[in-house]
């Protein structure tokens, strides 16, 4: 319900359109999608790209828990999109967790055995009665003890979008790199930061030419494990900032864990609160490059 409602907000409130992926596809293959503002590809000046973290969140969401326990402004990307449009940005909302189509293979029946007792009933009548009672018991079991009805499923990967990293690379190649905007700004949360760094590993020269600034929030990237080049590390020092959970006042410079980009306090110890996301939003929109 949350996912569908956020999609509805993206389309009706933010006037965004759904772009199906992959672009060239057959009628029967699984697909994913992203959302584009009307000027995402044509805006000559500025483009904002939003990449959420991993898990159950889909396009337009930062944190499902915040949406449920607090409000839509805290847990969705709607305020970011609205402000970006007011500031004259084109906007792309990525969907890095929509990676496969899950298809049911076969239902796992859960029959309940009933004790066999001597009976004077004819065997045929007794069999019909046992079948009827057994069916009722199975229905009761599935409805109350296992309401989601256990099934065997298989996952069919979405071509060129079967992981967050693949998805970000695909969107870059087919959309961001084709956009007319001179200045591209990226905001990436958690695993989205790892996917962005992987994009740099694959498209270093192109990213450096188009991207002006990257706001990371509790990014999960690791320049050693991802084997980033020195050129990428130097570029990240100048163009990226990672707001992380910390009890220190907001924007306090923290000790770098690796030689990648500045780490500063988000002024919040609670991972789910995402005040760091809001801080990063303010920095992106107040950047002199924008």
C-alpha atoms as a PDB file:
ATOM      1  CA  UNK A   1       0.000   0.000   0.000  1.00  0.00           C
ATOM      2  CA  UNK A   2       2.823   2.416   0.897  1.00  0.00           C
ATOM      3  CA  UNK A   3       4.717   1.693  -2.293  1.00  0.00           C
ATOM      4  CA  UNK A   4       1.705   2.202  -4.546  1.00  0.00           C
ATOM      5  CA  UNK A   5       0.681   5.361  -2.698  1.00  0.00           C
ATOM      6  CA  UNK A   6       4.145   6.906  -3.074  1.00  0.00           C
ATOM      7  CA  UNK A   7       4.086   6.079  -6.788  1.00  0.00           C
ATOM      8  CA  UNK A   8       0.741   7.859  -6.977  1.00  0.00           C
ATOM      9  CA  UNK A   9       2.241  10.926  -5.275  1.00  0.00           C
ATOM     10  CA  UNK A  10       5.180  10.962  -7.669  1.00  0.00           C
ATOM     11  CA  UNK A  11       2.827  10.946 -10.626  1.00  0.00           C
ATOM     12  CA  UNK A  12       0.024  13.200  -9.401  1.00  0.00           C
ATOM     13  CA  UNK A  13       1.677  15.566  -6.918  1.00  0.00           C
ATOM     14  CA  UNK A  14       5.118  15.812  -8.521  1.00  0.00           C
ATOM     15  CA  UNK A  15       3.960  15.415 -12.126  1.00  0.00           C
ATOM     16  CA  UNK A  16       6.616  12.784 -12.809  1.00  0.00           C
ATOM     17  CA  UNK A  17       6.379  10.089 -15.455  1.00  0.00           C
ATOM     18  CA  UNK A  18       7.353   6.429 -15.214  1.00  0.00           C
ATOM     19  CA  UNK A  19      10.065   5.289 -17.611  1.00  0.00           C
ATOM     20  CA  UNK A  20      10.130   1.521 -18.128  1.00  0.00           C
ATOM     21  CA  UNK A  21      13.477  -0.315 -18.109  1.00  0.00           C
ATOM     22  CA  UNK A  22      15.153  -1.759 -20.051  1.00  0.00           C
ATOM     23  CA  UNK A  23      14.255   0.528 -22.946  1.00  0.00           C
ATOM     24  CA  UNK A  24      14.576  -2.112 -25.652  1.00  0.00           C
ATOM     25  CA  UNK A  25      12.715  -5.154 -24.402  1.00  0.00           C
ATOM     26  CA  UNK A  26      10.504  -8.011 -25.435  1.00  0.00           C
ATOM     27  CA  UNK A  27       6.851  -8.185 -24.469  1.00  0.00           C
ATOM     28  CA  UNK A  28       7.303 -11.020 -21.973  1.00  0.00           C
ATOM     29  CA  UNK A  29      10.516 -10.094 -20.133  1.00  0.00           C
ATOM     30  CA  UNK A  30      10.449  -8.609 -16.612  1.00  0.00           C
ATOM     31  CA  UNK A  31      10.858  -4.846 -16.334  1.00  0.00           C
ATOM     32  CA  UNK A  32      11.722  -2.139 -13.831  1.00  0.00           C
ATOM     33  CA  UNK A  33      11.280   1.633 -14.007  1.00  0.00           C
ATOM     34  CA  UNK A  34      12.439   5.028 -12.836  1.00  0.00           C
ATOM     35  CA  UNK A  35      10.623   8.350 -12.516  1.00  0.00           C
ATOM     36  CA  UNK A  36      11.483  11.470 -14.506  1.00  0.00           C
ATOM     37  CA  UNK A  37      10.359  15.051 -14.109  1.00  0.00           C
ATOM     38  CA  UNK A  38       9.021  16.631 -17.339  1.00  0.00           C
ATOM     39  CA  UNK A  39      12.380  18.373 -17.930  1.00  0.00           C
ATOM     40  CA  UNK A  40      14.723  15.679 -16.584  1.00  0.00           C
ATOM     41  CA  UNK A  41      16.342  15.149 -19.979  1.00  0.00           C
ATOM     42  CA  UNK A  42      15.801  18.601 -21.485  1.00  0.00           C
ATOM     43  CA  UNK A  43      16.727  20.948 -18.613  1.00  0.00           C
ATOM     44  CA  UNK A  44      19.888  22.681 -19.888  1.00  0.00           C
ATOM     45  CA  UNK A  45      21.120  23.754 -16.461  1.00  0.00           C
ATOM     46  CA  UNK A  46      20.609  21.398 -13.502  1.00  0.00           C
ATOM     47  CA  UNK A  47      19.662  17.786 -12.852  1.00  0.00           C
ATOM     48  CA  UNK A  48      19.207  16.144  -9.441  1.00  0.00           C
ATOM     49  CA  UNK A  49      19.501  12.337  -9.239  1.00  0.00           C
ATOM     50  CA  UNK A  50      18.149  10.592  -6.127  1.00  0.00           C
ATOM     51  CA  UNK A  51      19.380   7.105  -5.143  1.00  0.00           C
ATOM     52  CA  UNK A  52      17.969   5.390  -2.034  1.00  0.00           C
ATOM     53  CA  UNK A  53      19.532   2.590   0.001  1.00  0.00           C
ATOM     54  CA  UNK A  54      18.899  -1.144  -0.151  1.00  0.00           C
ATOM     55  CA  UNK A  55      15.988  -3.207   1.161  1.00  0.00           C
ATOM     56  CA  UNK A  56      12.243  -2.913   0.709  1.00  0.00           C
ATOM     57  CA  UNK A  57      12.243   0.759  -0.247  1.00  0.00           C
ATOM     58  CA  UNK A  58      11.241   1.531  -3.808  1.00  0.00           C
ATOM     59  CA  UNK A  59      11.283   4.628  -5.999  1.00  0.00           C
ATOM     60  CA  UNK A  60      10.448   7.762  -4.025  1.00  0.00           C
ATOM     61  CA  UNK A  61      11.191   6.316  -0.561  1.00  0.00           C
ATOM     62  CA  UNK A  62      14.073   6.865   1.863  1.00  0.00           C
ATOM     63  CA  UNK A  63      12.861   4.770   4.809  1.00  0.00           C
ATOM     64  CA  UNK A  64       9.712   2.667   5.156  1.00  0.00           C
ATOM     65  CA  UNK A  65       9.878   2.831   8.952  1.00  0.00           C
ATOM     66  CA  UNK A  66       9.757   6.615   8.927  1.00  0.00           C
ATOM     67  CA  UNK A  67       6.792   6.619   6.558  1.00  0.00           C
ATOM     68  CA  UNK A  68       4.866   4.304   8.887  1.00  0.00           C
ATOM     69  CA  UNK A  69       5.894   5.755  12.252  1.00  0.00           C
ATOM     70  CA  UNK A  70       6.251   9.453  11.427  1.00  0.00           C
ATOM     71  CA  UNK A  71       5.093  10.951   8.146  1.00  0.00           C
ATOM     72  CA  UNK A  72       5.564  11.073   4.397  1.00  0.00           C
ATOM     73  CA  UNK A  73       7.780  14.147   4.567  1.00  0.00           C
ATOM     74  CA  UNK A  74      10.282  12.299   6.760  1.00  0.00           C
ATOM     75  CA  UNK A  75      10.379   9.001   4.902  1.00  0.00           C
ATOM     76  CA  UNK A  76       9.813   9.866   1.238  1.00  0.00           C
ATOM     77  CA  UNK A  77      11.689  11.864  -1.375  1.00  0.00           C
ATOM     78  CA  UNK A  78       8.655  14.044  -2.113  1.00  0.00           C
ATOM     79  CA  UNK A  79       9.984  17.156  -0.278  1.00  0.00           C
ATOM     80  CA  UNK A  80      13.315  16.865  -2.116  1.00  0.00           C
ATOM     81  CA  UNK A  81      11.602  16.587  -5.489  1.00  0.00           C
ATOM     82  CA  UNK A  82       9.243  19.475  -4.771  1.00  0.00           C
ATOM     83  CA  UNK A  83      12.041  21.787  -3.658  1.00  0.00           C
ATOM     84  CA  UNK A  84      14.286  20.752  -6.548  1.00  0.00           C
ATOM     85  CA  UNK A  85      11.574  21.652  -9.033  1.00  0.00           C
ATOM     86  CA  UNK A  86      11.031  24.996  -7.294  1.00  0.00           C
ATOM     87  CA  UNK A  87      14.781  25.631  -7.607  1.00  0.00           C
ATOM     88  CA  UNK A  88      14.727  24.876 -11.331  1.00  0.00           C
ATOM     89  CA  UNK A  89      16.160  21.363 -11.332  1.00  0.00           C
ATOM     90  CA  UNK A  90      15.200  18.465 -13.503  1.00  0.00           C
ATOM     91  CA  UNK A  91      14.825  15.357 -11.326  1.00  0.00           C
ATOM     92  CA  UNK A  92      15.442  11.633 -11.762  1.00  0.00           C
ATOM     93  CA  UNK A  93      14.238   9.198  -9.109  1.00  0.00           C
ATOM     94  CA  UNK A  94      16.034   5.881  -9.338  1.00  0.00           C
ATOM     95  CA  UNK A  95      14.654   2.496  -8.298  1.00  0.00           C
ATOM     96  CA  UNK A  96      17.717   0.351  -7.494  1.00  0.00           C
ATOM     97  CA  UNK A  97      15.893  -2.365  -5.509  1.00  0.00           C
ATOM     98  CA  UNK A  98      13.484  -3.419  -8.260  1.00  0.00           C
ATOM     99  CA  UNK A  99      15.792  -6.132  -9.582  1.00  0.00           C
ATOM    100  CA  UNK A 100      13.721  -9.193 -10.435  1.00  0.00           C
ATOM    101  CA  UNK A 101      10.283 -10.605 -11.064  1.00  0.00           C
ATOM    102  CA  UNK A 102       9.209 -13.222  -8.536  1.00  0.00           C
ATOM    103  CA  UNK A 103       7.131 -15.981 -10.098  1.00  0.00           C
ATOM    104  CA  UNK A 104       5.240 -18.638  -8.172  1.00  0.00           C
ATOM    105  CA  UNK A 105       6.332 -22.135  -9.130  1.00  0.00           C
ATOM    106  CA  UNK A 106       3.970 -24.324  -7.113  1.00  0.00           C
ATOM    107  CA  UNK A 107       1.944 -24.146  -3.921  1.00  0.00           C
ATOM    108  CA  UNK A 108       3.219 -26.109  -0.953  1.00  0.00           C
ATOM    109  CA  UNK A 109       0.269 -27.979   0.428  1.00  0.00           C
ATOM    110  CA  UNK A 110       0.019 -28.391   4.174  1.00  0.00           C
ATOM    111  CA  UNK A 111      -2.436 -31.203   4.787  1.00  0.00           C
ATOM    112  CA  UNK A 112      -3.334 -32.102   8.324  1.00  0.00           C
ATOM    113  CA  UNK A 113      -3.618 -35.760   9.011  1.00  0.00           C
ATOM    114  CA  UNK A 114      -6.659 -36.963  10.883  1.00  0.00           C
ATOM    115  CA  UNK A 115      -6.683 -40.063  13.046  1.00  0.00           C
ATOM    116  CA  UNK A 116      -8.119 -43.168  11.530  1.00  0.00           C
ATOM    117  CA  UNK A 117     -10.951 -44.667  13.539  1.00  0.00           C
ATOM    118  CA  UNK A 118     -13.033 -47.731  12.921  1.00  0.00           C
ATOM    119  CA  UNK A 119     -16.276 -46.876  11.128  1.00  0.00           C
ATOM    120  CA  UNK A 120     -19.314 -48.723   9.862  1.00  0.00           C
ATOM    121  CA  UNK A 121     -19.686 -46.250   6.974  1.00  0.00           C
ATOM    122  CA  UNK A 122     -19.072 -47.521   3.458  1.00  0.00           C
ATOM    123  CA  UNK A 123     -15.489 -46.839   2.337  1.00  0.00           C
ATOM    124  CA  UNK A 124     -16.589 -44.586  -0.569  1.00  0.00           C
ATOM    125  CA  UNK A 125     -18.751 -42.386   1.692  1.00  0.00           C
ATOM    126  CA  UNK A 126     -16.004 -42.219   4.326  1.00  0.00           C
ATOM    127  CA  UNK A 127     -13.426 -41.149   1.718  1.00  0.00           C
ATOM    128  CA  UNK A 128     -15.684 -38.323   0.514  1.00  0.00           C
ATOM    129  CA  UNK A 129     -16.219 -37.168   4.100  1.00  0.00           C
ATOM    130  CA  UNK A 130     -12.489 -37.323   4.856  1.00  0.00           C
ATOM    131  CA  UNK A 131     -11.702 -35.314   1.731  1.00  0.00           C
ATOM    132  CA  UNK A 132     -14.227 -32.635   2.698  1.00  0.00           C
ATOM    133  CA  UNK A 133     -12.967 -32.395   6.271  1.00  0.00           C
ATOM    134  CA  UNK A 134      -9.369 -32.441   5.130  1.00  0.00           C
ATOM    135  CA  UNK A 135     -10.035 -29.570   2.745  1.00  0.00           C
ATOM    136  CA  UNK A 136     -11.605 -27.509   5.538  1.00  0.00           C
ATOM    137  CA  UNK A 137      -8.653 -28.174   7.808  1.00  0.00           C
ATOM    138  CA  UNK A 138      -6.179 -27.204   5.102  1.00  0.00           C
ATOM    139  CA  UNK A 139      -8.067 -23.973   4.407  1.00  0.00           C
ATOM    140  CA  UNK A 140      -8.165 -23.177   8.120  1.00  0.00           C
ATOM    141  CA  UNK A 141      -4.466 -23.917   8.449  1.00  0.00           C
ATOM    142  CA  UNK A 142      -3.476 -21.727   5.492  1.00  0.00           C
ATOM    143  CA  UNK A 143      -5.752 -18.857   6.527  1.00  0.00           C
ATOM    144  CA  UNK A 144      -4.860 -18.562  10.178  1.00  0.00           C
ATOM    145  CA  UNK A 145      -1.544 -20.242  10.792  1.00  0.00           C
ATOM    146  CA  UNK A 146       0.111 -19.297   7.518  1.00  0.00           C
ATOM    147  CA  UNK A 147      -1.866 -16.408   6.021  1.00  0.00           C
ATOM    148  CA  UNK A 148       0.745 -15.717   3.331  1.00  0.00           C
ATOM    149  CA  UNK A 149       0.492 -19.277   2.015  1.00  0.00           C
ATOM    150  CA  UNK A 150       3.952 -20.694   1.601  1.00  0.00           C
ATOM    151  CA  UNK A 151       4.954 -21.075  -2.021  1.00  0.00           C
ATOM    152  CA  UNK A 152       8.000 -21.955  -4.001  1.00  0.00           C
ATOM    153  CA  UNK A 153       9.089 -19.056  -6.185  1.00  0.00           C
ATOM    154  CA  UNK A 154      11.803 -18.321  -8.664  1.00  0.00           C
ATOM    155  CA  UNK A 155      13.330 -14.938  -9.341  1.00  0.00           C
ATOM    156  CA  UNK A 156      13.750 -13.820 -12.912  1.00  0.00           C
ATOM    157  CA  UNK A 157      16.372 -11.035 -13.005  1.00  0.00           C
ATOM    158  CA  UNK A 158      15.603  -7.809 -14.851  1.00  0.00           C
ATOM    159  CA  UNK A 159      18.067  -7.491 -17.689  1.00  0.00           C
ATOM    160  CA  UNK A 160      20.881  -5.008 -16.975  1.00  0.00           C
ATOM    161  CA  UNK A 161      19.106  -4.035 -13.746  1.00  0.00           C
ATOM    162  CA  UNK A 162      19.559  -7.161 -11.619  1.00  0.00           C
ATOM    163  CA  UNK A 163      21.376  -5.285  -8.824  1.00  0.00           C
ATOM    164  CA  UNK A 164      21.603  -1.762  -7.459  1.00  0.00           C
ATOM    165  CA  UNK A 165      24.997  -1.328  -9.113  1.00  0.00           C
ATOM    166  CA  UNK A 166      23.719  -2.512 -12.497  1.00  0.00           C
ATOM    167  CA  UNK A 167      20.656  -0.289 -12.218  1.00  0.00           C
ATOM    168  CA  UNK A 168      22.656   2.875 -11.475  1.00  0.00           C
ATOM    169  CA  UNK A 169      25.039   2.113 -14.337  1.00  0.00           C
ATOM    170  CA  UNK A 170      22.157   1.468 -16.737  1.00  0.00           C
ATOM    171  CA  UNK A 171      20.380   4.703 -15.791  1.00  0.00           C
ATOM    172  CA  UNK A 172      23.617   6.628 -16.202  1.00  0.00           C
ATOM    173  CA  UNK A 173      24.292   5.211 -19.670  1.00  0.00           C
ATOM    174  CA  UNK A 174      20.746   5.599 -20.989  1.00  0.00           C
ATOM    175  CA  UNK A 175      19.467   8.696 -19.206  1.00  0.00           C
ATOM    176  CA  UNK A 176      21.864  10.792 -17.114  1.00  0.00           C
ATOM    177  CA  UNK A 177      24.612  10.809 -19.732  1.00  0.00           C
ATOM    178  CA  UNK A 178      22.021  11.782 -22.357  1.00  0.00           C
ATOM    179  CA  UNK A 179      20.542  14.629 -20.301  1.00  0.00           C
ATOM    180  CA  UNK A 180      21.271  18.151 -21.511  1.00  0.00           C
ATOM    181  CA  UNK A 181      21.980  19.513 -18.027  1.00  0.00           C
ATOM    182  CA  UNK A 182      25.453  20.997 -17.677  1.00  0.00           C
ATOM    183  CA  UNK A 183      25.474  20.357 -13.939  1.00  0.00           C
ATOM    184  CA  UNK A 184      24.407  17.026 -12.415  1.00  0.00           C
ATOM    185  CA  UNK A 185      23.930  16.673  -8.650  1.00  0.00           C
ATOM    186  CA  UNK A 186      23.566  13.297  -6.979  1.00  0.00           C
ATOM    187  CA  UNK A 187      22.168  12.419  -3.585  1.00  0.00           C
ATOM    188  CA  UNK A 188      22.750   8.834  -2.430  1.00  0.00           C
ATOM    189  CA  UNK A 189      21.782   7.174   0.838  1.00  0.00           C
ATOM    190  CA  UNK A 190      23.454   4.104   2.371  1.00  0.00           C
ATOM    191  CA  UNK A 191      23.944   1.401  -0.310  1.00  0.00           C
ATOM    192  CA  UNK A 192      23.187   4.027  -2.927  1.00  0.00           C
ATOM    193  CA  UNK A 193      26.587   5.514  -2.095  1.00  0.00           C
ATOM    194  CA  UNK A 194      28.271   2.194  -2.824  1.00  0.00           C
ATOM    195  CA  UNK A 195      26.451   2.019  -6.151  1.00  0.00           C
ATOM    196  CA  UNK A 196      27.589   5.538  -7.012  1.00  0.00           C
ATOM    197  CA  UNK A 197      31.237   4.674  -6.289  1.00  0.00           C
ATOM    198  CA  UNK A 198      30.875   1.591  -8.480  1.00  0.00           C
ATOM    199  CA  UNK A 199      29.526   3.884 -11.202  1.00  0.00           C
ATOM    200  CA  UNK A 200      32.676   5.980 -10.868  1.00  0.00           C
ATOM    201  CA  UNK A 201      34.803   2.857 -11.203  1.00  0.00           C
ATOM    202  CA  UNK A 202      33.049   2.056 -14.466  1.00  0.00           C
ATOM    203  CA  UNK A 203      32.543   5.565 -15.904  1.00  0.00           C
ATOM    204  CA  UNK A 204      35.160   7.713 -14.152  1.00  0.00           C
ATOM    205  CA  UNK A 205      35.818  10.179 -16.966  1.00  0.00           C
ATOM    206  CA  UNK A 206      32.140  10.710 -17.789  1.00  0.00           C
ATOM    207  CA  UNK A 207      31.136  11.217 -14.152  1.00  0.00           C
ATOM    208  CA  UNK A 208      33.894  13.766 -13.596  1.00  0.00           C
ATOM    209  CA  UNK A 209      32.747  15.705 -16.647  1.00  0.00           C
ATOM    210  CA  UNK A 210      29.061  15.874 -15.703  1.00  0.00           C
ATOM    211  CA  UNK A 211      28.700  15.641 -11.919  1.00  0.00           C
ATOM    212  CA  UNK A 212      29.292  18.777  -9.832  1.00  0.00           C
ATOM    213  CA  UNK A 213      28.568  17.532  -6.311  1.00  0.00           C
ATOM    214  CA  UNK A 214      27.481  14.392  -4.478  1.00  0.00           C
ATOM    215  CA  UNK A 215      25.721  14.380  -1.101  1.00  0.00           C
ATOM    216  CA  UNK A 216      26.104  11.021   0.653  1.00  0.00           C
ATOM    217  CA  UNK A 217      24.215  10.044   3.802  1.00  0.00           C
ATOM    218  CA  UNK A 218      25.591   7.141   5.843  1.00  0.00           C
ATOM    219  CA  UNK A 219      27.108   5.826   2.653  1.00  0.00           C
ATOM    220  CA  UNK A 220      28.024   2.121   2.569  1.00  0.00           C
ATOM    221  CA  UNK A 221      30.846   2.528   0.027  1.00  0.00           C
ATOM    222  CA  UNK A 222      34.401   1.344   0.674  1.00  0.00           C
ATOM    223  CA  UNK A 223      37.148   2.604  -1.632  1.00  0.00           C
ATOM    224  CA  UNK A 224      39.487  -0.274  -0.701  1.00  0.00           C
ATOM    225  CA  UNK A 225      37.038  -3.120  -1.226  1.00  0.00           C
ATOM    226  CA  UNK A 226      35.737  -1.446  -4.378  1.00  0.00           C
ATOM    227  CA  UNK A 227      39.291  -0.833  -5.600  1.00  0.00           C
ATOM    228  CA  UNK A 228      38.785   2.790  -6.628  1.00  0.00           C
ATOM    229  CA  UNK A 229      41.520   4.610  -8.485  1.00  0.00           C
ATOM    230  CA  UNK A 230      43.557   7.440  -7.004  1.00  0.00           C
ATOM    231  CA  UNK A 231      41.902   9.761  -9.490  1.00  0.00           C
ATOM    232  CA  UNK A 232      38.473   8.793  -8.147  1.00  0.00           C
ATOM    233  CA  UNK A 233      39.611   9.253  -4.566  1.00  0.00           C
ATOM    234  CA  UNK A 234      41.018  12.700  -5.327  1.00  0.00           C
ATOM    235  CA  UNK A 235      37.800  13.707  -7.098  1.00  0.00           C
ATOM    236  CA  UNK A 236      35.658  12.498  -4.188  1.00  0.00           C
ATOM    237  CA  UNK A 237      37.722  14.608  -1.793  1.00  0.00           C
ATOM    238  CA  UNK A 238      36.708  17.707  -3.729  1.00  0.00           C
ATOM    239  CA  UNK A 239      33.147  16.909  -4.815  1.00  0.00           C
ATOM    240  CA  UNK A 240      31.602  14.551  -2.242  1.00  0.00           C
ATOM    241  CA  UNK A 241      30.575  14.841   1.384  1.00  0.00           C
ATOM    242  CA  UNK A 242      29.254  12.055   3.608  1.00  0.00           C
ATOM    243  CA  UNK A 243      26.914  12.990   6.483  1.00  0.00           C
ATOM    244  CA  UNK A 244      27.014  10.201   9.057  1.00  0.00           C
ATOM    245  CA  UNK A 245      25.308   9.375  12.341  1.00  0.00           C
ATOM    246  CA  UNK A 246      27.161  11.066  15.187  1.00  0.00           C
ATOM    247  CA  UNK A 247      26.441  12.721  18.562  1.00  0.00           C
ATOM    248  CA  UNK A 248      28.622  15.665  17.503  1.00  0.00           C
ATOM    249  CA  UNK A 249      26.996  18.942  16.390  1.00  0.00           C
ATOM    250  CA  UNK A 250      25.843  19.077  12.782  1.00  0.00           C
ATOM    251  CA  UNK A 251      28.651  19.522  10.225  1.00  0.00           C
ATOM    252  CA  UNK A 252      31.447  18.741  12.714  1.00  0.00           C
ATOM    253  CA  UNK A 253      34.310  17.301  10.713  1.00  0.00           C
ATOM    254  CA  UNK A 254      34.956  13.690  11.761  1.00  0.00           C
ATOM    255  CA  UNK A 255      38.041  11.527  11.410  1.00  0.00           C
ATOM    256  CA  UNK A 256      38.051   9.936   7.962  1.00  0.00           C
ATOM    257  CA  UNK A 257      37.845   6.168   8.015  1.00  0.00           C
ATOM    258  CA  UNK A 258      39.376   5.953   4.544  1.00  0.00           C
ATOM    259  CA  UNK A 259      40.886   8.417   2.128  1.00  0.00           C
ATOM    260  CA  UNK A 260      37.795   9.112   0.099  1.00  0.00           C
ATOM    261  CA  UNK A 261      35.659  12.118   1.005  1.00  0.00           C
ATOM    262  CA  UNK A 262      35.029  14.337   4.038  1.00  0.00           C
ATOM    263  CA  UNK A 263      32.868  12.777   6.754  1.00  0.00           C
ATOM    264  CA  UNK A 264      30.815  15.185   8.845  1.00  0.00           C
ATOM    265  CA  UNK A 265      28.305  14.765  11.622  1.00  0.00           C
ATOM    266  CA  UNK A 266      24.618  14.669  10.831  1.00  0.00           C
ATOM    267  CA  UNK A 267      23.986  15.656  14.448  1.00  0.00           C
ATOM    268  CA  UNK A 268      21.884  12.569  15.051  1.00  0.00           C
ATOM    269  CA  UNK A 269      22.638   9.156  16.568  1.00  0.00           C
ATOM    270  CA  UNK A 270      19.407   7.545  15.378  1.00  0.00           C
ATOM    271  CA  UNK A 271      19.992   5.899  12.012  1.00  0.00           C
ATOM    272  CA  UNK A 272      16.319   5.918  11.095  1.00  0.00           C
ATOM    273  CA  UNK A 273      15.766   9.611  11.742  1.00  0.00           C
ATOM    274  CA  UNK A 274      17.530  10.720   8.561  1.00  0.00           C
ATOM    275  CA  UNK A 275      18.026  14.300   9.651  1.00  0.00           C
ATOM    276  CA  UNK A 276      21.322  13.884   7.828  1.00  0.00           C
ATOM    277  CA  UNK A 277      19.335  13.493   4.636  1.00  0.00           C
ATOM    278  CA  UNK A 278      17.623  16.802   5.233  1.00  0.00           C
ATOM    279  CA  UNK A 279      20.962  18.456   5.988  1.00  0.00           C
ATOM    280  CA  UNK A 280      22.409  17.086   2.790  1.00  0.00           C
ATOM    281  CA  UNK A 281      19.389  18.399   0.891  1.00  0.00           C
ATOM    282  CA  UNK A 282      20.034  21.897   2.221  1.00  0.00           C
ATOM    283  CA  UNK A 283      23.679  21.722   1.197  1.00  0.00           C
ATOM    284  CA  UNK A 284      22.857  20.504  -2.304  1.00  0.00           C
ATOM    285  CA  UNK A 285      20.347  23.265  -2.905  1.00  0.00           C
ATOM    286  CA  UNK A 286      22.550  25.966  -1.386  1.00  0.00           C
ATOM    287  CA  UNK A 287      25.646  24.915  -3.348  1.00  0.00           C
ATOM    288  CA  UNK A 288      27.180  27.801  -5.299  1.00  0.00           C
ATOM    289  CA  UNK A 289      27.417  25.403  -8.257  1.00  0.00           C
ATOM    290  CA  UNK A 290      23.639  25.069  -8.471  1.00  0.00           C
END
